[in-house]
């Protein structure tokens, strides 16, 4: 049931035979189900966006440290202890 005087979402719905969605729209022009505000939310599922960013940074740091370690090992192989 559409809300009187409110701007409607208008997204094409699969369940209603392709009829437009009649839910009230948010500022972005879509309803909460068809155009939510993912980019503004702190969490997605059970994981915070900050935690995902931190893990990505940690993986990059680990790759860098492995590369440095390999480089050191290659240099030390060339040097003989005798």
PDB file of N, CA and C in Angstrom:
ATOM      1  N   UNK A   1       0.834  -1.176   0.000  1.00  0.00           N
ATOM      2  CA  UNK A   1       0.000   0.000   0.000  1.00  0.00           C
ATOM      3  C   UNK A   1       0.882   1.243   0.000  1.00  0.00           C
ATOM      4  N   UNK A   2       0.818   2.061  -1.001  1.00  0.00           N
ATOM      5  CA  UNK A   2       1.666   3.246  -1.065  1.00  0.00           C
ATOM      6  C   UNK A   2       1.281   4.277  -0.009  1.00  0.00           C
ATOM      7  N   UNK A   3       2.282   4.996   0.431  1.00  0.00           N
ATOM      8  CA  UNK A   3       2.059   6.065   1.398  1.00  0.00           C
ATOM      9  C   UNK A   3       1.676   7.320   0.631  1.00  0.00           C
ATOM     10  N   UNK A   4       0.585   7.969   1.034  1.00  0.00           N
ATOM     11  CA  UNK A   4       0.111   9.153   0.299  1.00  0.00           C
ATOM     12  C   UNK A   4       1.078  10.322   0.460  1.00  0.00           C
ATOM     13  N   UNK A   5       1.405  10.970  -0.653  1.00  0.00           N
ATOM     14  CA  UNK A   5       2.250  12.148  -0.639  1.00  0.00           C
ATOM     15  C   UNK A   5       3.740  11.865  -0.597  1.00  0.00           C
ATOM     16  N   UNK A   6       4.142  10.617  -0.425  1.00  0.00           N
ATOM     17  CA  UNK A   6       5.560  10.272  -0.354  1.00  0.00           C
ATOM     18  C   UNK A   6       6.050   9.858  -1.737  1.00  0.00           C
ATOM     19  N   UNK A   7       7.282  10.183  -2.014  1.00  0.00           N
ATOM     20  CA  UNK A   7       7.908   9.750  -3.263  1.00  0.00           C
ATOM     21  C   UNK A   7       8.088   8.233  -3.191  1.00  0.00           C
ATOM     22  N   UNK A   8       7.753   7.538  -4.274  1.00  0.00           N
ATOM     23  CA  UNK A   8       7.828   6.083  -4.280  1.00  0.00           C
ATOM     24  C   UNK A   8       9.160   5.607  -4.852  1.00  0.00           C
ATOM     25  N   UNK A   9       9.540   4.410  -4.440  1.00  0.00           N
ATOM     26  CA  UNK A   9      10.803   3.811  -4.870  1.00  0.00           C
ATOM     27  C   UNK A   9      10.836   3.618  -6.389  1.00  0.00           C
ATOM     28  N   UNK A  10       9.899   2.870  -6.925  1.00  0.00           N
ATOM     29  CA  UNK A  10       9.810   2.672  -8.363  1.00  0.00           C
ATOM     30  C   UNK A  10      10.706   1.602  -8.936  1.00  0.00           C
ATOM     31  N   UNK A  11      11.468   0.908  -8.103  1.00  0.00           N
ATOM     32  CA  UNK A  11      12.349  -0.153  -8.597  1.00  0.00           C
ATOM     33  C   UNK A  11      11.499  -1.297  -9.150  1.00  0.00           C
ATOM     34  N   UNK A  12      11.998  -1.964 -10.174  1.00  0.00           N
ATOM     35  CA  UNK A  12      11.280  -3.087 -10.772  1.00  0.00           C
ATOM     36  C   UNK A  12      11.362  -4.279  -9.824  1.00  0.00           C
ATOM     37  N   UNK A  13      10.230  -4.830  -9.431  1.00  0.00           N
ATOM     38  CA  UNK A  13      10.181  -5.948  -8.502  1.00  0.00           C
ATOM     39  C   UNK A  13      10.015  -7.266  -9.255  1.00  0.00           C
ATOM     40  N   UNK A  14      10.736  -8.272  -8.843  1.00  0.00           N
ATOM     41  CA  UNK A  14      10.604  -9.586  -9.478  1.00  0.00           C
ATOM     42  C   UNK A  14       9.374 -10.332  -8.991  1.00  0.00           C
ATOM     43  N   UNK A  15       8.975 -10.115  -7.742  1.00  0.00           N
ATOM     44  CA  UNK A  15       7.879 -10.890  -7.165  1.00  0.00           C
ATOM     45  C   UNK A  15       6.502 -10.424  -7.593  1.00  0.00           C
ATOM     46  N   UNK A  16       6.377  -9.204  -8.053  1.00  0.00           N
ATOM     47  CA  UNK A  16       5.059  -8.680  -8.425  1.00  0.00           C
ATOM     48  C   UNK A  16       4.899  -8.609  -9.939  1.00  0.00           C
ATOM     49  N   UNK A  17       5.550  -9.464 -10.654  1.00  0.00           N
ATOM     50  CA  UNK A  17       5.415  -9.487 -12.104  1.00  0.00           C
ATOM     51  C   UNK A  17       6.048  -8.288 -12.798  1.00  0.00           C
ATOM     52  N   UNK A  18       7.063  -7.707 -12.183  1.00  0.00           N
ATOM     53  CA  UNK A  18       7.750  -6.591 -12.802  1.00  0.00           C
ATOM     54  C   UNK A  18       7.129  -5.239 -12.525  1.00  0.00           C
ATOM     55  N   UNK A  19       6.118  -5.206 -11.687  1.00  0.00           N
ATOM     56  CA  UNK A  19       5.500  -3.924 -11.340  1.00  0.00           C
ATOM     57  C   UNK A  19       6.463  -3.109 -10.468  1.00  0.00           C
ATOM     58  N   UNK A  20       6.377  -1.795 -10.519  1.00  0.00           N
ATOM     59  CA  UNK A  20       7.295  -0.987  -9.710  1.00  0.00           C
ATOM     60  C   UNK A  20       7.010  -1.112  -8.222  1.00  0.00           C
ATOM     61  N   UNK A  21       8.051  -0.973  -7.433  1.00  0.00           N
ATOM     62  CA  UNK A  21       7.953  -1.022  -5.972  1.00  0.00           C
ATOM     63  C   UNK A  21       7.165   0.195  -5.497  1.00  0.00           C
ATOM     64  N   UNK A  22       6.298  -0.011  -4.518  1.00  0.00           N
ATOM     65  CA  UNK A  22       5.457   1.061  -4.018  1.00  0.00           C
ATOM     66  C   UNK A  22       5.855   1.522  -2.622  1.00  0.00           C
ATOM     67  N   UNK A  23       7.024   1.118  -2.155  1.00  0.00           N
ATOM     68  CA  UNK A  23       7.502   1.544  -0.842  1.00  0.00           C
ATOM     69  C   UNK A  23       7.950   3.004  -0.899  1.00  0.00           C
ATOM     70  N   UNK A  24       7.877   3.724   0.225  1.00  0.00           N
ATOM     71  CA  UNK A  24       8.352   5.108   0.228  1.00  0.00           C
ATOM     72  C   UNK A  24       9.864   5.167   0.012  1.00  0.00           C
ATOM     73  N   UNK A  25      10.291   6.155  -0.744  1.00  0.00           N
ATOM     74  CA  UNK A  25      11.708   6.286  -1.090  1.00  0.00           C
ATOM     75  C   UNK A  25      12.469   7.067  -0.025  1.00  0.00           C
ATOM     76  N   UNK A  26      13.782   6.811   0.028  1.00  0.00           N
ATOM     77  CA  UNK A  26      14.680   7.572   0.900  1.00  0.00           C
ATOM     78  C   UNK A  26      15.237   8.736   0.089  1.00  0.00           C
ATOM     79  N   UNK A  27      16.239   9.419   0.627  1.00  0.00           N
ATOM     80  CA  UNK A  27      16.841  10.556  -0.059  1.00  0.00           C
ATOM     81  C   UNK A  27      17.453  10.163  -1.396  1.00  0.00           C
ATOM     82  N   UNK A  28      17.966   8.940  -1.490  1.00  0.00           N
ATOM     83  CA  UNK A  28      18.616   8.508  -2.732  1.00  0.00           C
ATOM     84  C   UNK A  28      17.618   8.058  -3.802  1.00  0.00           C
ATOM     85  N   UNK A  29      16.323   8.110  -3.512  1.00  0.00           N
ATOM     86  CA  UNK A  29      15.309   7.790  -4.495  1.00  0.00           C
ATOM     87  C   UNK A  29      14.841   6.350  -4.500  1.00  0.00           C
ATOM     88  N   UNK A  30      15.425   5.489  -3.689  1.00  0.00           N
ATOM     89  CA  UNK A  30      15.015   4.088  -3.592  1.00  0.00           C
ATOM     90  C   UNK A  30      14.607   3.766  -2.165  1.00  0.00           C
ATOM     91  N   UNK A  31      13.856   2.679  -2.004  1.00  0.00           N
ATOM     92  CA  UNK A  31      13.431   2.283  -0.662  1.00  0.00           C
ATOM     93  C   UNK A  31      14.587   1.577   0.046  1.00  0.00           C
ATOM     94  N   UNK A  32      14.373   1.224   1.286  1.00  0.00           N
ATOM     95  CA  UNK A  32      15.427   0.591   2.084  1.00  0.00           C
ATOM     96  C   UNK A  32      15.835  -0.767   1.526  1.00  0.00           C
ATOM     97  N   UNK A  33      14.941  -1.405   0.762  1.00  0.00           N
ATOM     98  CA  UNK A  33      15.262  -2.728   0.214  1.00  0.00           C
ATOM     99  C   UNK A  33      15.941  -2.668  -1.145  1.00  0.00           C
ATOM    100  N   UNK A  34      15.752  -1.584  -1.889  1.00  0.00           N
ATOM    101  CA  UNK A  34      16.294  -1.501  -3.245  1.00  0.00           C
ATOM    102  C   UNK A  34      17.454  -0.536  -3.409  1.00  0.00           C
ATOM    103  N   UNK A  35      17.840   0.146  -2.388  1.00  0.00           N
ATOM    104  CA  UNK A  35      18.940   1.087  -2.538  1.00  0.00           C
ATOM    105  C   UNK A  35      19.400   1.576  -1.195  1.00  0.00           C
ATOM    106  N   UNK A  36      19.645   0.630  -0.311  1.00  0.00           N
ATOM    107  CA  UNK A  36      20.027   0.965   1.048  1.00  0.00           C
ATOM    108  C   UNK A  36      21.309   1.778   1.104  1.00  0.00           C
ATOM    109  N   UNK A  37      21.752   2.065   2.285  1.00  0.00           N
ATOM    110  CA  UNK A  37      22.898   2.931   2.484  1.00  0.00           C
ATOM    111  C   UNK A  37      24.103   2.124   2.961  1.00  0.00           C
ATOM    112  N   UNK A  38      24.518   1.140   2.194  1.00  0.00           N
ATOM    113  CA  UNK A  38      25.640   0.286   2.583  1.00  0.00           C
ATOM    114  C   UNK A  38      26.899   1.091   2.847  1.00  0.00           C
ATOM    115  N   UNK A  39      27.185   2.057   1.998  1.00  0.00           N
ATOM    116  CA  UNK A  39      28.431   2.797   2.131  1.00  0.00           C
ATOM    117  C   UNK A  39      28.478   3.653   3.396  1.00  0.00           C
ATOM    118  N   UNK A  40      27.347   3.900   4.020  1.00  0.00           N
ATOM    119  CA  UNK A  40      27.326   4.698   5.239  1.00  0.00           C
ATOM    120  C   UNK A  40      27.299   3.836   6.497  1.00  0.00           C
ATOM    121  N   UNK A  41      26.956   2.570   6.353  1.00  0.00           N
ATOM    122  CA  UNK A  41      26.865   1.708   7.532  1.00  0.00           C
ATOM    123  C   UNK A  41      28.253   1.317   8.005  1.00  0.00           C
ATOM    124  N   UNK A  42      28.387   1.141   9.295  1.00  0.00           N
ATOM    125  CA  UNK A  42      29.657   0.722   9.888  1.00  0.00           C
ATOM    126  C   UNK A  42      29.863  -0.787   9.721  1.00  0.00           C
ATOM    127  N   UNK A  43      28.771  -1.541   9.680  1.00  0.00           N
ATOM    128  CA  UNK A  43      28.916  -2.991   9.568  1.00  0.00           C
ATOM    129  C   UNK A  43      28.242  -3.506   8.313  1.00  0.00           C
ATOM    130  N   UNK A  44      28.734  -4.629   7.856  1.00  0.00           N
ATOM    131  CA  UNK A  44      28.106  -5.351   6.759  1.00  0.00           C
ATOM    132  C   UNK A  44      28.082  -6.796   7.200  1.00  0.00           C
ATOM    133  N   UNK A  45      26.926  -7.301   7.490  1.00  0.00           N
ATOM    134  CA  UNK A  45      26.838  -8.629   8.079  1.00  0.00           C
ATOM    135  C   UNK A  45      27.300  -8.526   9.519  1.00  0.00           C
ATOM    136  N   UNK A  46      28.242  -9.369   9.906  1.00  0.00           N
ATOM    137  CA  UNK A  46      28.757  -9.329  11.270  1.00  0.00           C
ATOM    138  C   UNK A  46      30.158  -8.735  11.321  1.00  0.00           C
ATOM    139  N   UNK A  47      30.669  -8.230  10.207  1.00  0.00           N
ATOM    140  CA  UNK A  47      32.020  -7.713  10.135  1.00  0.00           C
ATOM    141  C   UNK A  47      31.993  -6.209   9.922  1.00  0.00           C
ATOM    142  N   UNK A  48      32.769  -5.480  10.706  1.00  0.00           N
ATOM    143  CA  UNK A  48      32.824  -4.041  10.504  1.00  0.00           C
ATOM    144  C   UNK A  48      33.719  -3.733   9.319  1.00  0.00           C
ATOM    145  N   UNK A  49      33.438  -2.639   8.652  1.00  0.00           N
ATOM    146  CA  UNK A  49      34.250  -2.227   7.518  1.00  0.00           C
ATOM    147  C   UNK A  49      35.662  -1.893   7.969  1.00  0.00           C
ATOM    148  N   UNK A  50      35.796  -1.354   9.180  1.00  0.00           N
ATOM    149  CA  UNK A  50      37.115  -1.037   9.727  1.00  0.00           C
ATOM    150  C   UNK A  50      37.945  -2.304   9.907  1.00  0.00           C
ATOM    151  N   UNK A  51      37.317  -3.399  10.366  1.00  0.00           N
ATOM    152  CA  UNK A  51      38.033  -4.662  10.559  1.00  0.00           C
ATOM    153  C   UNK A  51      38.492  -5.221   9.218  1.00  0.00           C
ATOM    154  N   UNK A  52      37.653  -5.114   8.185  1.00  0.00           N
ATOM    155  CA  UNK A  52      38.057  -5.589   6.863  1.00  0.00           C
ATOM    156  C   UNK A  52      39.238  -4.792   6.334  1.00  0.00           C
ATOM    157  N   UNK A  53      39.214  -3.487   6.539  1.00  0.00           N
ATOM    158  CA  UNK A  53      40.313  -2.627   6.094  1.00  0.00           C
ATOM    159  C   UNK A  53      41.598  -2.977   6.842  1.00  0.00           C
ATOM    160  N   UNK A  54      41.484  -3.243   8.143  1.00  0.00           N
ATOM    161  CA  UNK A  54      42.648  -3.610   8.953  1.00  0.00           C
ATOM    162  C   UNK A  54      43.256  -4.927   8.473  1.00  0.00           C
ATOM    163  N   UNK A  55      42.427  -5.925   8.193  1.00  0.00           N
ATOM    164  CA  UNK A  55      42.948  -7.213   7.707  1.00  0.00           C
ATOM    165  C   UNK A  55      43.641  -7.056   6.365  1.00  0.00           C
ATOM    166  N   UNK A  56      43.100  -6.210   5.499  1.00  0.00           N
ATOM    167  CA  UNK A  56      43.721  -5.971   4.199  1.00  0.00           C
ATOM    168  C   UNK A  56      45.095  -5.339   4.379  1.00  0.00           C
ATOM    169  N   UNK A  57      45.204  -4.383   5.292  1.00  0.00           N
ATOM    170  CA  UNK A  57      46.492  -3.738   5.564  1.00  0.00           C
ATOM    171  C   UNK A  57      47.483  -4.743   6.158  1.00  0.00           C
ATOM    172  N   UNK A  58      47.009  -5.613   7.031  1.00  0.00           N
ATOM    173  CA  UNK A  58      47.882  -6.618   7.638  1.00  0.00           C
ATOM    174  C   UNK A  58      48.398  -7.608   6.594  1.00  0.00           C
ATOM    175  N   UNK A  59      47.544  -8.009   5.656  1.00  0.00           N
ATOM    176  CA  UNK A  59      47.992  -8.919   4.595  1.00  0.00           C
ATOM    177  C   UNK A  59      49.046  -8.262   3.717  1.00  0.00           C
ATOM    178  N   UNK A  60      48.862  -6.976   3.412  1.00  0.00           N
ATOM    179  CA  UNK A  60      49.849  -6.253   2.598  1.00  0.00           C
ATOM    180  C   UNK A  60      51.173  -6.163   3.345  1.00  0.00           C
ATOM    181  N   UNK A  61      51.120  -5.874   4.644  1.00  0.00           N
ATOM    182  CA  UNK A  61      52.341  -5.801   5.452  1.00  0.00           C
ATOM    183  C   UNK A  61      53.041  -7.151   5.497  1.00  0.00           C
ATOM    184  N   UNK A  62      52.282  -8.223   5.655  1.00  0.00           N
ATOM    185  CA  UNK A  62      52.865  -9.563   5.694  1.00  0.00           C
ATOM    186  C   UNK A  62      53.539  -9.905   4.371  1.00  0.00           C
ATOM    187  N   UNK A  63      52.906  -9.557   3.235  1.00  0.00           N
ATOM    188  CA  UNK A  63      53.532  -9.793   1.925  1.00  0.00           C
ATOM    189  C   UNK A  63      54.855  -9.043   1.810  1.00  0.00           C
ATOM    190  N   UNK A  64      54.860  -7.815   2.296  1.00  0.00           N
ATOM    191  CA  UNK A  64      56.075  -7.004   2.239  1.00  0.00           C
ATOM    192  C   UNK A  64      57.179  -7.614   3.099  1.00  0.00           C
ATOM    193  N   UNK A  65      56.825  -8.074   4.286  1.00  0.00           N
ATOM    194  CA  UNK A  65      57.818  -8.673   5.183  1.00  0.00           C
ATOM    195  C   UNK A  65      58.366  -9.981   4.606  1.00  0.00           C
ATOM    196  N   UNK A  66      57.535 -10.779   3.954  1.00  0.00           N
ATOM    197  CA  UNK A  66      58.016 -12.011   3.320  1.00  0.00           C
ATOM    198  C   UNK A  66      58.986 -11.699   2.197  1.00  0.00           C
ATOM    199  N   UNK A  67      58.708 -10.641   1.426  1.00  0.00           N
ATOM    200  CA  UNK A  67      59.603 -10.247   0.344  1.00  0.00           C
ATOM    201  C   UNK A  67      60.949  -9.800   0.898  1.00  0.00           C
ATOM    202  N   UNK A  68      60.940  -9.032   1.985  1.00  0.00           N
ATOM    203  CA  UNK A  68      62.183  -8.583   2.611  1.00  0.00           C
ATOM    204  C   UNK A  68      62.948  -9.781   3.150  1.00  0.00           C
ATOM    205  N   UNK A  69      62.236 -10.707   3.762  1.00  0.00           N
ATOM    206  CA  UNK A  69      62.879 -11.907   4.301  1.00  0.00           C
ATOM    207  C   UNK A  69      63.540 -12.720   3.188  1.00  0.00           C
ATOM    208  N   UNK A  70      62.831 -12.880   2.067  1.00  0.00           N
ATOM    209  CA  UNK A  70      63.420 -13.606   0.926  1.00  0.00           C
ATOM    210  C   UNK A  70      64.679 -12.910   0.421  1.00  0.00           C
ATOM    211  N   UNK A  71      64.627 -11.600   0.353  1.00  0.00           N
ATOM    212  CA  UNK A  71      65.771 -10.826  -0.128  1.00  0.00           C
ATOM    213  C   UNK A  71      66.970 -11.003   0.796  1.00  0.00           C
ATOM    214  N   UNK A  72      66.750 -10.999   2.098  1.00  0.00           N
ATOM    215  CA  UNK A  72      67.832 -11.186   3.070  1.00  0.00           C
ATOM    216  C   UNK A  72      68.411 -12.580   2.937  1.00  0.00           C
ATOM    217  N   UNK A  73      67.544 -13.572   2.780  1.00  0.00           N
ATOM    218  CA  UNK A  73      68.018 -14.965   2.649  1.00  0.00           C
ATOM    219  C   UNK A  73      68.864 -15.130   1.391  1.00  0.00           C
ATOM    220  N   UNK A  74      68.470 -14.512   0.298  1.00  0.00           N
ATOM    221  CA  UNK A  74      69.243 -14.609  -0.942  1.00  0.00           C
ATOM    222  C   UNK A  74      70.611 -13.955  -0.789  1.00  0.00           C
ATOM    223  N   UNK A  75      70.694 -12.838  -0.093  1.00  0.00           N
ATOM    224  CA  UNK A  75      71.972 -12.160   0.128  1.00  0.00           C
ATOM    225  C   UNK A  75      72.879 -12.957   1.029  1.00  0.00           C
ATOM    226  N   UNK A  76      72.299 -13.596   2.073  1.00  0.00           N
ATOM    227  CA  UNK A  76      73.128 -14.357   3.009  1.00  0.00           C
ATOM    228  C   UNK A  76      73.612 -15.670   2.388  1.00  0.00           C
ATOM    229  N   UNK A  77      72.937 -16.215   1.441  1.00  0.00           N
ATOM    230  CA  UNK A  77      73.385 -17.432   0.766  1.00  0.00           C
ATOM    231  C   UNK A  77      74.655 -17.167  -0.028  1.00  0.00           C
ATOM    232  N   UNK A  78      74.772 -15.978  -0.577  1.00  0.00           N
ATOM    233  CA  UNK A  78      75.929 -15.628  -1.386  1.00  0.00           C
ATOM    234  C   UNK A  78      77.181 -15.384  -0.566  1.00  0.00           C
ATOM    235  N   UNK A  79      77.009 -15.128   0.737  1.00  0.00           N
ATOM    236  CA  UNK A  79      78.156 -14.845   1.620  1.00  0.00           C
ATOM    237  C   UNK A  79      78.552 -16.156   2.318  1.00  0.00           C
ATOM    238  N   UNK A  80      79.831 -16.528   2.216  1.00  0.00           N
ATOM    239  CA  UNK A  80      80.290 -17.740   2.880  1.00  0.00           C
ATOM    240  C   UNK A  80      80.857 -17.392   4.241  1.00  0.00           C
ATOM    241  N   UNK A  81      80.722 -18.290   5.188  1.00  0.00           N
ATOM    242  CA  UNK A  81      81.155 -18.046   6.567  1.00  0.00           C
ATOM    243  C   UNK A  81      82.619 -18.451   6.770  1.00  0.00           C
ATOM    244  N   UNK A  82      83.289 -19.042   5.814  1.00  0.00           N
ATOM    245  CA  UNK A  82      84.665 -19.534   5.984  1.00  0.00           C
ATOM    246  C   UNK A  82      85.659 -18.513   5.714  1.00  0.00           C
TER     247      UNK A  82
END
